[in-house]
Amino acid sequence: MDPIDQLDTLAKRLSSLIPEPIQATQKDIESNLRSGLESGLRKMNLVTREEFDVQSAVLKRTREKLEQLEKRVSELENMSS
C-alpha cells in the first residue's frame, strides 16, 4: 500500500473515533491529523525501500571486498613467514 494511502487511512480511522457531535468538522480533523502524521514521519528520518535496498547492496559489495582483502592479506602473511 502506498504510504500516502496509509496516512489517509490512519487519519480517517483516528477521526472516526471522535464523538458524533464533533464529526461535523471531520474533514478538518482528518486534514489536521494527516498533516500531523506527515510532520512526525518526516522528523523520523525514514528512508524509502528503494534507498534501503541500494544501501544494502552497497554494504554487501563492501563486505565481499573486505573478505577478499582479508584473505589476500592472510596469504601474503603466510608467504612471508
PDB file of N, CA and C in Angstrom:
ATOM      1  N   MET A   1       0.852  -1.183   0.000  1.00  0.00           N
ATOM      2  CA  MET A   1       0.000   0.000   0.000  1.00  0.00           C
ATOM      3  C   MET A   1       0.895   1.242   0.000  1.00  0.00           C
ATOM      4  N   ASP A   2       0.491   2.224  -0.726  1.00  0.00           N
ATOM      5  CA  ASP A   2       1.215   3.479  -0.830  1.00  0.00           C
ATOM      6  C   ASP A   2       1.226   4.193   0.531  1.00  0.00           C
ATOM      7  N   PRO A   3       2.382   4.752   0.941  1.00  0.00           N
ATOM      8  CA  PRO A   3       2.442   5.433   2.250  1.00  0.00           C
ATOM      9  C   PRO A   3       1.420   6.550   2.399  1.00  0.00           C
ATOM     10  N   ILE A   4       1.121   7.256   1.317  1.00  0.00           N
ATOM     11  CA  ILE A   4       0.136   8.344   1.388  1.00  0.00           C
ATOM     12  C   ILE A   4      -1.248   7.762   1.657  1.00  0.00           C
ATOM     13  N   ASP A   5      -1.573   6.638   0.994  1.00  0.00           N
ATOM     14  CA  ASP A   5      -2.850   5.978   1.255  1.00  0.00           C
ATOM     15  C   ASP A   5      -2.923   5.495   2.694  1.00  0.00           C
ATOM     16  N   GLN A   6      -1.796   5.009   3.215  1.00  0.00           N
ATOM     17  CA  GLN A   6      -1.766   4.546   4.600  1.00  0.00           C
ATOM     18  C   GLN A   6      -2.019   5.702   5.553  1.00  0.00           C
ATOM     19  N   LEU A   7      -1.432   6.874   5.263  1.00  0.00           N
ATOM     20  CA  LEU A   7      -1.667   8.046   6.108  1.00  0.00           C
ATOM     21  C   LEU A   7      -3.132   8.457   6.069  1.00  0.00           C
ATOM     22  N   ASP A   8      -3.713   8.449   4.868  1.00  0.00           N
ATOM     23  CA  ASP A   8      -5.130   8.799   4.746  1.00  0.00           C
ATOM     24  C   ASP A   8      -6.001   7.833   5.543  1.00  0.00           C
ATOM     25  N   THR A   9      -5.704   6.541   5.417  1.00  0.00           N
ATOM     26  CA  THR A   9      -6.473   5.532   6.135  1.00  0.00           C
ATOM     27  C   THR A   9      -6.347   5.716   7.637  1.00  0.00           C
ATOM     28  N   LEU A  10      -5.124   5.958   8.104  1.00  0.00           N
ATOM     29  CA  LEU A  10      -4.908   6.154   9.532  1.00  0.00           C
ATOM     30  C   LEU A  10      -5.620   7.409  10.023  1.00  0.00           C
ATOM     31  N   ALA A  11      -5.551   8.492   9.250  1.00  0.00           N
ATOM     32  CA  ALA A  11      -6.223   9.731   9.639  1.00  0.00           C
ATOM     33  C   ALA A  11      -7.736   9.517   9.711  1.00  0.00           C
ATOM     34  N   LYS A  12      -8.298   8.770   8.762  1.00  0.00           N
ATOM     35  CA  LYS A  12      -9.739   8.501   8.776  1.00  0.00           C
ATOM     36  C   LYS A  12     -10.127   7.632   9.972  1.00  0.00           C
ATOM     37  N   ARG A  13      -9.294   6.645  10.275  1.00  0.00           N
ATOM     38  CA  ARG A  13      -9.585   5.788  11.437  1.00  0.00           C
ATOM     39  C   ARG A  13      -9.576   6.593  12.730  1.00  0.00           C
ATOM     40  N   LEU A  14      -8.560   7.456  12.858  1.00  0.00           N
ATOM     41  CA  LEU A  14      -8.471   8.262  14.074  1.00  0.00           C
ATOM     42  C   LEU A  14      -9.646   9.229  14.172  1.00  0.00           C
ATOM     43  N   SER A  15     -10.029   9.832  13.053  1.00  0.00           N
ATOM     44  CA  SER A  15     -11.133  10.795  13.092  1.00  0.00           C
ATOM     45  C   SER A  15     -12.469  10.098  13.347  1.00  0.00           C
ATOM     46  N   SER A  16     -12.579   8.809  12.990  1.00  0.00           N
ATOM     47  CA  SER A  16     -13.833   8.092  13.242  1.00  0.00           C
ATOM     48  C   SER A  16     -14.042   7.833  14.734  1.00  0.00           C
ATOM     49  N   LEU A  17     -12.995   7.955  15.521  1.00  0.00           N
ATOM     50  CA  LEU A  17     -13.106   7.748  16.964  1.00  0.00           C
ATOM     51  C   LEU A  17     -13.655   8.977  17.686  1.00  0.00           C
ATOM     52  N   ILE A  18     -13.802  10.065  16.946  1.00  0.00           N
ATOM     53  CA  ILE A  18     -14.278  11.324  17.525  1.00  0.00           C
ATOM     54  C   ILE A  18     -15.799  11.237  17.719  1.00  0.00           C
ATOM     55  N   PRO A  19     -16.302  11.746  18.853  1.00  0.00           N
ATOM     56  CA  PRO A  19     -17.752  11.691  19.115  1.00  0.00           C
ATOM     57  C   PRO A  19     -18.572  12.340  17.991  1.00  0.00           C
ATOM     58  N   GLU A  20     -19.804  11.818  17.778  1.00  0.00           N
ATOM     59  CA  GLU A  20     -20.658  12.262  16.676  1.00  0.00           C
ATOM     60  C   GLU A  20     -20.912  13.768  16.624  1.00  0.00           C
ATOM     61  N   PRO A  21     -21.186  14.427  17.730  1.00  0.00           N
ATOM     62  CA  PRO A  21     -21.454  15.872  17.632  1.00  0.00           C
ATOM     63  C   PRO A  21     -20.280  16.656  17.025  1.00  0.00           C
ATOM     64  N   ILE A  22     -19.113  16.151  17.189  1.00  0.00           N
ATOM     65  CA  ILE A  22     -17.938  16.855  16.690  1.00  0.00           C
ATOM     66  C   ILE A  22     -17.603  16.442  15.246  1.00  0.00           C
ATOM     67  N   GLN A  23     -18.203  15.350  14.770  1.00  0.00           N
ATOM     68  CA  GLN A  23     -17.865  14.831  13.450  1.00  0.00           C
ATOM     69  C   GLN A  23     -18.228  15.763  12.305  1.00  0.00           C
ATOM     70  N   ALA A  24     -18.979  16.821  12.572  1.00  0.00           N
ATOM     71  CA  ALA A  24     -19.296  17.787  11.529  1.00  0.00           C
ATOM     72  C   ALA A  24     -18.020  18.415  10.996  1.00  0.00           C
ATOM     73  N   THR A  25     -17.021  18.457  11.820  1.00  0.00           N
ATOM     74  CA  THR A  25     -15.738  19.032  11.402  1.00  0.00           C
ATOM     75  C   THR A  25     -14.749  17.925  11.033  1.00  0.00           C
ATOM     76  N   GLN A  26     -15.270  16.773  10.662  1.00  0.00           N
ATOM     77  CA  GLN A  26     -14.442  15.593  10.392  1.00  0.00           C
ATOM     78  C   GLN A  26     -13.386  15.844   9.319  1.00  0.00           C
ATOM     79  N   LYS A  27     -13.740  16.518   8.235  1.00  0.00           N
ATOM     80  CA  LYS A  27     -12.772  16.761   7.155  1.00  0.00           C
ATOM     81  C   LYS A  27     -11.599  17.592   7.670  1.00  0.00           C
ATOM     82  N   ASP A  28     -11.900  18.626   8.464  1.00  0.00           N
ATOM     83  CA  ASP A  28     -10.831  19.443   9.035  1.00  0.00           C
ATOM     84  C   ASP A  28      -9.950  18.609   9.963  1.00  0.00           C
ATOM     85  N   ILE A  29     -10.590  17.776  10.759  1.00  0.00           N
ATOM     86  CA  ILE A  29      -9.850  16.935  11.694  1.00  0.00           C
ATOM     87  C   ILE A  29      -8.963  15.952  10.934  1.00  0.00           C
ATOM     88  N   GLU A  30      -9.520  15.309   9.877  1.00  0.00           N
ATOM     89  CA  GLU A  30      -8.729  14.383   9.062  1.00  0.00           C
ATOM     90  C   GLU A  30      -7.520  15.092   8.464  1.00  0.00           C
ATOM     91  N   SER A  31      -7.751  16.279   7.960  1.00  0.00           N
ATOM     92  CA  SER A  31      -6.664  17.055   7.348  1.00  0.00           C
ATOM     93  C   SER A  31      -5.588  17.388   8.380  1.00  0.00           C
ATOM     94  N   ASN A  32      -6.014  17.815   9.554  1.00  0.00           N
ATOM     95  CA  ASN A  32      -5.052  18.157  10.605  1.00  0.00           C
ATOM     96  C   ASN A  32      -4.295  16.924  11.098  1.00  0.00           C
ATOM     97  N   LEU A  33      -5.002  15.803  11.248  1.00  0.00           N
ATOM     98  CA  LEU A  33      -4.349  14.567  11.669  1.00  0.00           C
ATOM     99  C   LEU A  33      -3.326  14.121  10.623  1.00  0.00           C
ATOM    100  N   ARG A  34      -3.712  14.210   9.356  1.00  0.00           N
ATOM    101  CA  ARG A  34      -2.812  13.804   8.279  1.00  0.00           C
ATOM    102  C   ARG A  34      -1.557  14.684   8.285  1.00  0.00           C
ATOM    103  N   SER A  35      -1.749  15.986   8.437  1.00  0.00           N
ATOM    104  CA  SER A  35      -0.604  16.902   8.480  1.00  0.00           C
ATOM    105  C   SER A  35       0.306  16.589   9.658  1.00  0.00           C
ATOM    106  N   GLY A  36      -0.307  16.317  10.798  1.00  0.00           N
ATOM    107  CA  GLY A  36       0.480  15.977  11.986  1.00  0.00           C
ATOM    108  C   GLY A  36       1.251  14.677  11.802  1.00  0.00           C
ATOM    109  N   LEU A  37       0.603  13.682  11.200  1.00  0.00           N
ATOM    110  CA  LEU A  37       1.277  12.401  10.949  1.00  0.00           C
ATOM    111  C   LEU A  37       2.427  12.573   9.964  1.00  0.00           C
ATOM    112  N   GLU A  38       2.198  13.319   8.885  1.00  0.00           N
ATOM    113  CA  GLU A  38       3.256  13.560   7.898  1.00  0.00           C
ATOM    114  C   GLU A  38       4.444  14.265   8.544  1.00  0.00           C
ATOM    115  N   SER A  39       4.143  15.271   9.359  1.00  0.00           N
ATOM    116  CA  SER A  39       5.207  16.016  10.031  1.00  0.00           C
ATOM    117  C   SER A  39       6.015  15.109  10.947  1.00  0.00           C
ATOM    118  N   GLY A  40       5.323  14.277  11.704  1.00  0.00           N
ATOM    119  CA  GLY A  40       6.002  13.357  12.612  1.00  0.00           C
ATOM    120  C   GLY A  40       6.867  12.360  11.869  1.00  0.00           C
ATOM    121  N   LEU A  41       6.370  11.846  10.758  1.00  0.00           N
ATOM    122  CA  LEU A  41       7.141  10.883   9.976  1.00  0.00           C
ATOM    123  C   LEU A  41       8.373  11.533   9.346  1.00  0.00           C
ATOM    124  N   ARG A  42       8.240  12.781   8.891  1.00  0.00           N
ATOM    125  CA  ARG A  42       9.397  13.480   8.311  1.00  0.00           C
ATOM    126  C   ARG A  42      10.514  13.652   9.338  1.00  0.00           C
ATOM    127  N   LYS A  43      10.141  13.886  10.570  1.00  0.00           N
ATOM    128  CA  LYS A  43      11.129  14.084  11.635  1.00  0.00           C
ATOM    129  C   LYS A  43      11.853  12.797  12.000  1.00  0.00           C
ATOM    130  N   MET A  44      11.308  11.658  11.601  1.00  0.00           N
ATOM    131  CA  MET A  44      11.889  10.370  11.952  1.00  0.00           C
ATOM    132  C   MET A  44      13.045   9.975  11.034  1.00  0.00           C
ATOM    133  N   ASN A  45      13.323  10.761  10.009  1.00  0.00           N
ATOM    134  CA  ASN A  45      14.410  10.466   9.072  1.00  0.00           C
ATOM    135  C   ASN A  45      14.299   9.072   8.479  1.00  0.00           C
ATOM    136  N   LEU A  46      13.125   8.709   8.017  1.00  0.00           N
ATOM    137  CA  LEU A  46      12.899   7.410   7.405  1.00  0.00           C
ATOM    138  C   LEU A  46      13.425   7.407   5.971  1.00  0.00           C
ATOM    139  N   VAL A  47      13.769   6.243   5.479  1.00  0.00           N
ATOM    140  CA  VAL A  47      14.213   6.117   4.093  1.00  0.00           C
ATOM    141  C   VAL A  47      13.216   5.252   3.333  1.00  0.00           C
ATOM    142  N   THR A  48      13.233   5.402   2.023  1.00  0.00           N
ATOM    143  CA  THR A  48      12.348   4.584   1.206  1.00  0.00           C
ATOM    144  C   THR A  48      12.919   3.179   1.090  1.00  0.00           C
ATOM    145  N   ARG A  49      12.101   2.252   0.680  1.00  0.00           N
ATOM    146  CA  ARG A  49      12.547   0.873   0.468  1.00  0.00           C
ATOM    147  C   ARG A  49      13.642   0.847  -0.584  1.00  0.00           C
ATOM    148  N   GLU A  50      13.488   1.663  -1.635  1.00  0.00           N
ATOM    149  CA  GLU A  50      14.492   1.709  -2.702  1.00  0.00           C
ATOM    150  C   GLU A  50      15.852   2.161  -2.152  1.00  0.00           C
ATOM    151  N   GLU A  51      15.854   3.218  -1.338  1.00  0.00           N
ATOM    152  CA  GLU A  51      17.106   3.688  -0.749  1.00  0.00           C
ATOM    153  C   GLU A  51      17.732   2.613   0.144  1.00  0.00           C
ATOM    154  N   PHE A  52      16.893   1.939   0.914  1.00  0.00           N
ATOM    155  CA  PHE A  52      17.366   0.879   1.796  1.00  0.00           C
ATOM    156  C   PHE A  52      17.998  -0.248   0.989  1.00  0.00           C
ATOM    157  N   ASP A  53      17.326  -0.657  -0.090  1.00  0.00           N
ATOM    158  CA  ASP A  53      17.836  -1.740  -0.930  1.00  0.00           C
ATOM    159  C   ASP A  53      19.170  -1.367  -1.576  1.00  0.00           C
ATOM    160  N   VAL A  54      19.290  -0.124  -2.032  1.00  0.00           N
ATOM    161  CA  VAL A  54      20.546   0.341  -2.640  1.00  0.00           C
ATOM    162  C   VAL A  54      21.671   0.271  -1.610  1.00  0.00           C
ATOM    163  N   GLN A  55      21.418   0.770  -0.414  1.00  0.00           N
ATOM    164  CA  GLN A  55      22.454   0.761   0.618  1.00  0.00           C
ATOM    165  C   GLN A  55      22.790  -0.661   1.064  1.00  0.00           C
ATOM    166  N   SER A  56      21.810  -1.538   1.078  1.00  0.00           N
ATOM    167  CA  SER A  56      22.074  -2.942   1.416  1.00  0.00           C
ATOM    168  C   SER A  56      22.992  -3.577   0.383  1.00  0.00           C
ATOM    169  N   ALA A  57      22.757  -3.268  -0.895  1.00  0.00           N
ATOM    170  CA  ALA A  57      23.602  -3.810  -1.961  1.00  0.00           C
ATOM    171  C   ALA A  57      25.029  -3.274  -1.851  1.00  0.00           C
ATOM    172  N   VAL A  58      25.167  -1.988  -1.543  1.00  0.00           N
ATOM    173  CA  VAL A  58      26.493  -1.385  -1.367  1.00  0.00           C
ATOM    174  C   VAL A  58      27.203  -2.062  -0.199  1.00  0.00           C
ATOM    175  N   LEU A  59      26.503  -2.267   0.889  1.00  0.00           N
ATOM    176  CA  LEU A  59      27.091  -2.919   2.058  1.00  0.00           C
ATOM    177  C   LEU A  59      27.522  -4.344   1.727  1.00  0.00           C
ATOM    178  N   LYS A  60      26.716  -5.056   0.980  1.00  0.00           N
ATOM    179  CA  LYS A  60      27.061  -6.430   0.599  1.00  0.00           C
ATOM    180  C   LYS A  60      28.349  -6.454  -0.227  1.00  0.00           C
ATOM    181  N   ARG A  61      28.442  -5.549  -1.216  1.00  0.00           N
ATOM    182  CA  ARG A  61      29.659  -5.485  -2.041  1.00  0.00           C
ATOM    183  C   ARG A  61      30.870  -5.114  -1.194  1.00  0.00           C
ATOM    184  N   THR A  62      30.687  -4.218  -0.261  1.00  0.00           N
ATOM    185  CA  THR A  62      31.788  -3.804   0.610  1.00  0.00           C
ATOM    186  C   THR A  62      32.261  -4.970   1.470  1.00  0.00           C
ATOM    187  N   ARG A  63      31.320  -5.729   2.001  1.00  0.00           N
ATOM    188  CA  ARG A  63      31.687  -6.909   2.807  1.00  0.00           C
ATOM    189  C   ARG A  63      32.456  -7.928   1.977  1.00  0.00           C
ATOM    190  N   GLU A  64      32.000  -8.140   0.737  1.00  0.00           N
ATOM    191  CA  GLU A  64      32.683  -9.098  -0.145  1.00  0.00           C
ATOM    192  C   GLU A  64      34.119  -8.646  -0.430  1.00  0.00           C
ATOM    193  N   LYS A  65      34.290  -7.351  -0.699  1.00  0.00           N
ATOM    194  CA  LYS A  65      35.637  -6.820  -0.960  1.00  0.00           C
ATOM    195  C   LYS A  65      36.515  -6.952   0.280  1.00  0.00           C
ATOM    196  N   LEU A  66      35.949  -6.678   1.446  1.00  0.00           N
ATOM    197  CA  LEU A  66      36.696  -6.793   2.694  1.00  0.00           C
ATOM    198  C   LEU A  66      37.155  -8.228   2.911  1.00  0.00           C
ATOM    199  N   GLU A  67      36.253  -9.183   2.668  1.00  0.00           N
ATOM    200  CA  GLU A  67      36.618 -10.588   2.822  1.00  0.00           C
ATOM    201  C   GLU A  67      37.750 -10.964   1.858  1.00  0.00           C
ATOM    202  N   GLN A  68      37.684 -10.464   0.631  1.00  0.00           N
ATOM    203  CA  GLN A  68      38.739 -10.740  -0.346  1.00  0.00           C
ATOM    204  C   GLN A  68      40.075 -10.154   0.120  1.00  0.00           C
ATOM    205  N   LEU A  69      40.028  -8.931   0.624  1.00  0.00           N
ATOM    206  CA  LEU A  69      41.251  -8.289   1.105  1.00  0.00           C
ATOM    207  C   LEU A  69      41.823  -9.012   2.318  1.00  0.00           C
ATOM    208  N   GLU A  70      40.956  -9.443   3.234  1.00  0.00           N
ATOM    209  CA  GLU A  70      41.432 -10.187   4.408  1.00  0.00           C
ATOM    210  C   GLU A  70      42.101 -11.494   3.982  1.00  0.00           C
ATOM    211  N   LYS A  71      41.496 -12.138   3.012  1.00  0.00           N
ATOM    212  CA  LYS A  71      42.072 -13.390   2.506  1.00  0.00           C
ATOM    213  C   LYS A  71      43.432 -13.125   1.861  1.00  0.00           C
ATOM    214  N   ARG A  72      43.524 -12.075   1.081  1.00  0.00           N
ATOM    215  CA  ARG A  72      44.782 -11.731   0.405  1.00  0.00           C
ATOM    216  C   ARG A  72      45.877 -11.372   1.417  1.00  0.00           C
ATOM    217  N   VAL A  73      45.514 -10.600   2.438  1.00  0.00           N
ATOM    218  CA  VAL A  73      46.490 -10.236   3.492  1.00  0.00           C
ATOM    219  C   VAL A  73      46.982 -11.492   4.187  1.00  0.00           C
ATOM    220  N   SER A  74      46.059 -12.402   4.484  1.00  0.00           N
ATOM    221  CA  SER A  74      46.432 -13.645   5.130  1.00  0.00           C
ATOM    222  C   SER A  74      47.398 -14.444   4.253  1.00  0.00           C
ATOM    223  N   GLU A  75      47.120 -14.509   2.963  1.00  0.00           N
ATOM    224  CA  GLU A  75      48.005 -15.217   2.033  1.00  0.00           C
ATOM    225  C   GLU A  75      49.399 -14.585   2.014  1.00  0.00           C
ATOM    226  N   LEU A  76      49.455 -13.268   1.982  1.00  0.00           N
ATOM    227  CA  LEU A  76      50.736 -12.552   1.954  1.00  0.00           C
ATOM    228  C   LEU A  76      51.508 -12.766   3.252  1.00  0.00           C
ATOM    229  N   GLU A  77      50.783 -12.767   4.373  1.00  0.00           N
ATOM    230  CA  GLU A  77      51.442 -13.015   5.655  1.00  0.00           C
ATOM    231  C   GLU A  77      52.023 -14.426   5.694  1.00  0.00           C
ATOM    232  N   ASN A  78      51.306 -15.395   5.168  1.00  0.00           N
ATOM    233  CA  ASN A  78      51.776 -16.767   5.139  1.00  0.00           C
ATOM    234  C   ASN A  78      52.987 -16.930   4.219  1.00  0.00           C
ATOM    235  N   MET A  79      53.034 -16.174   3.139  1.00  0.00           N
ATOM    236  CA  MET A  79      54.153 -16.250   2.209  1.00  0.00           C
ATOM    237  C   MET A  79      55.435 -15.689   2.829  1.00  0.00           C
ATOM    238  N   SER A  80      55.288 -14.653   3.645  1.00  0.00           N
ATOM    239  CA  SER A  80      56.482 -14.025   4.228  1.00  0.00           C
ATOM    240  C   SER A  80      56.980 -14.773   5.475  1.00  0.00           C
ATOM    241  N   SER A  81      56.187 -15.685   5.979  1.00  0.00           N
ATOM    242  CA  SER A  81      56.595 -16.440   7.185  1.00  0.00           C
ATOM    243  C   SER A  81      57.499 -17.571   6.864  1.00  0.00           C
TER     244      SER A  81
END
